[in-house]
Amino acid sequence: MNDMPNGKKHTLMLDNRRKLMITGAEDVSGFNEETVSVKTTAGTLIIKGSGLHIEKLNLETGDVSVEGMINSMQYIGHDNSRSRFSKLFR
């Protein structure tokens, strides 16, 4: 069963909280040393930490590599997956 809307594979691999490798990336919508926002096939992934930098970025293949001290990762979902109720309160 595949929950991804376009069928592309999305994976995360975290190495010792210092290097995060992502596949299935579609865009990097913003980044600084404390936050990186990556739009993936599974939703937008927010990465928080310190000393973060993008080591590798290839949107043709969907590969992104982030290095630095990674403290948290959170998906905020697909833009089109918001409920009708939540759209009322934008």
Protein backbone atom coordinates (compact mmCIF):
# COMPACT_ATOMS: atom_id res chain seq x y z
CA MET A 1 0.00 0.00 0.00
CA ASN A 2 1.49 3.33 -1.07
CA ASP A 3 0.25 6.52 0.59
CA MET A 4 2.42 8.80 -1.56
CA PRO A 5 0.31 10.74 -4.06
CA ASN A 6 2.75 10.53 -6.95
CA GLY A 7 4.17 7.08 -6.08
CA LYS A 8 7.79 8.23 -5.61
CA LYS A 9 9.73 6.56 -2.81
CA HIS A 10 10.67 8.68 0.21
CA THR A 11 13.27 7.62 2.75
CA LEU A 12 15.21 9.17 5.63
CA MET A 13 18.51 7.92 6.99
CA LEU A 14 19.94 9.62 10.07
CA ASP A 15 23.57 8.92 10.94
CA ASN A 16 24.54 9.71 14.56
CA ARG A 17 22.30 12.82 14.61
CA ARG A 18 24.93 14.54 12.44
CA LYS A 19 24.00 13.61 8.86
CA LEU A 20 20.52 13.21 7.39
CA MET A 21 20.07 11.72 3.92
CA ILE A 22 16.69 12.19 2.26
CA THR A 23 15.23 10.70 -0.93
CA GLY A 24 11.95 11.75 -2.51
CA ALA A 25 12.67 15.47 -2.08
CA GLU A 26 10.82 17.83 -4.40
CA ASP A 27 12.01 21.25 -3.18
CA VAL A 28 13.89 23.00 -0.38
CA SER A 29 11.59 25.83 0.64
CA GLY A 30 13.92 27.44 3.15
CA PHE A 31 16.99 26.93 5.28
CA ASN A 32 19.31 28.53 7.79
CA GLU A 33 21.67 27.20 10.48
CA GLU A 34 18.77 26.22 12.76
CA THR A 35 15.97 25.07 10.41
CA VAL A 36 15.74 23.32 7.04
CA SER A 37 12.37 22.90 5.30
CA VAL A 38 12.19 20.21 2.60
CA LYS A 39 9.08 19.45 0.54
CA THR A 40 8.98 15.67 0.02
CA THR A 41 6.59 13.21 -1.57
CA ALA A 42 5.34 12.45 1.97
CA GLY A 43 4.75 16.09 2.97
CA THR A 44 6.90 18.97 4.15
CA LEU A 45 9.69 17.91 6.49
CA ILE A 46 10.95 20.48 9.01
CA ILE A 47 14.43 19.72 10.36
CA LYS A 48 15.63 21.65 13.42
CA GLY A 49 19.07 21.74 15.00
CA SER A 50 22.25 23.78 15.11
CA GLY A 51 24.98 24.37 12.56
CA LEU A 52 22.79 22.90 9.81
CA HIS A 53 23.90 23.12 6.19
CA ILE A 54 22.88 21.40 2.99
CA GLU A 55 25.73 19.18 1.90
CA LYS A 56 24.03 17.73 -1.20
CA LEU A 57 21.03 18.90 -3.21
CA ASN A 58 19.87 17.18 -6.38
CA LEU A 59 16.18 17.76 -7.05
CA GLU A 60 16.31 15.83 -10.33
CA THR A 61 16.98 12.62 -8.39
CA GLY A 62 15.23 13.83 -5.21
CA ASP A 63 18.34 13.51 -3.02
CA VAL A 64 19.16 15.92 -0.20
CA SER A 65 21.82 15.60 2.48
CA VAL A 66 21.79 17.83 5.59
CA GLU A 67 24.70 17.99 8.03
CA GLY A 68 24.95 19.53 11.50
CA MET A 69 23.49 18.70 14.92
CA ILE A 70 19.93 17.48 14.24
CA ASN A 71 17.57 17.88 17.20
CA SER A 72 14.15 17.20 15.66
CA MET A 73 12.29 16.31 12.48
CA GLN A 74 8.58 16.88 11.89
CA TYR A 75 6.23 16.37 8.95
CA ILE A 76 3.56 19.00 8.50
CA GLY A 77 1.64 17.08 5.83
CA HIS A 78 0.59 17.74 2.26
CA ASP A 79 -0.98 21.10 1.44
CA ASN A 80 -3.87 19.27 -0.22
CA SER A 81 -4.39 16.98 2.79
CA ARG A 82 -5.72 19.70 5.08
CA SER A 83 -9.21 19.12 6.32
CA ARG A 84 -12.07 21.34 5.21
CA PHE A 85 -12.43 22.49 8.80
CA SER A 86 -8.79 23.67 9.03
CA LYS A 87 -9.13 25.61 5.76
CA LEU A 88 -11.80 27.76 7.39
CA PHE A 89 -9.28 29.11 9.91
CA ARG A 90 -6.39 30.09 7.62
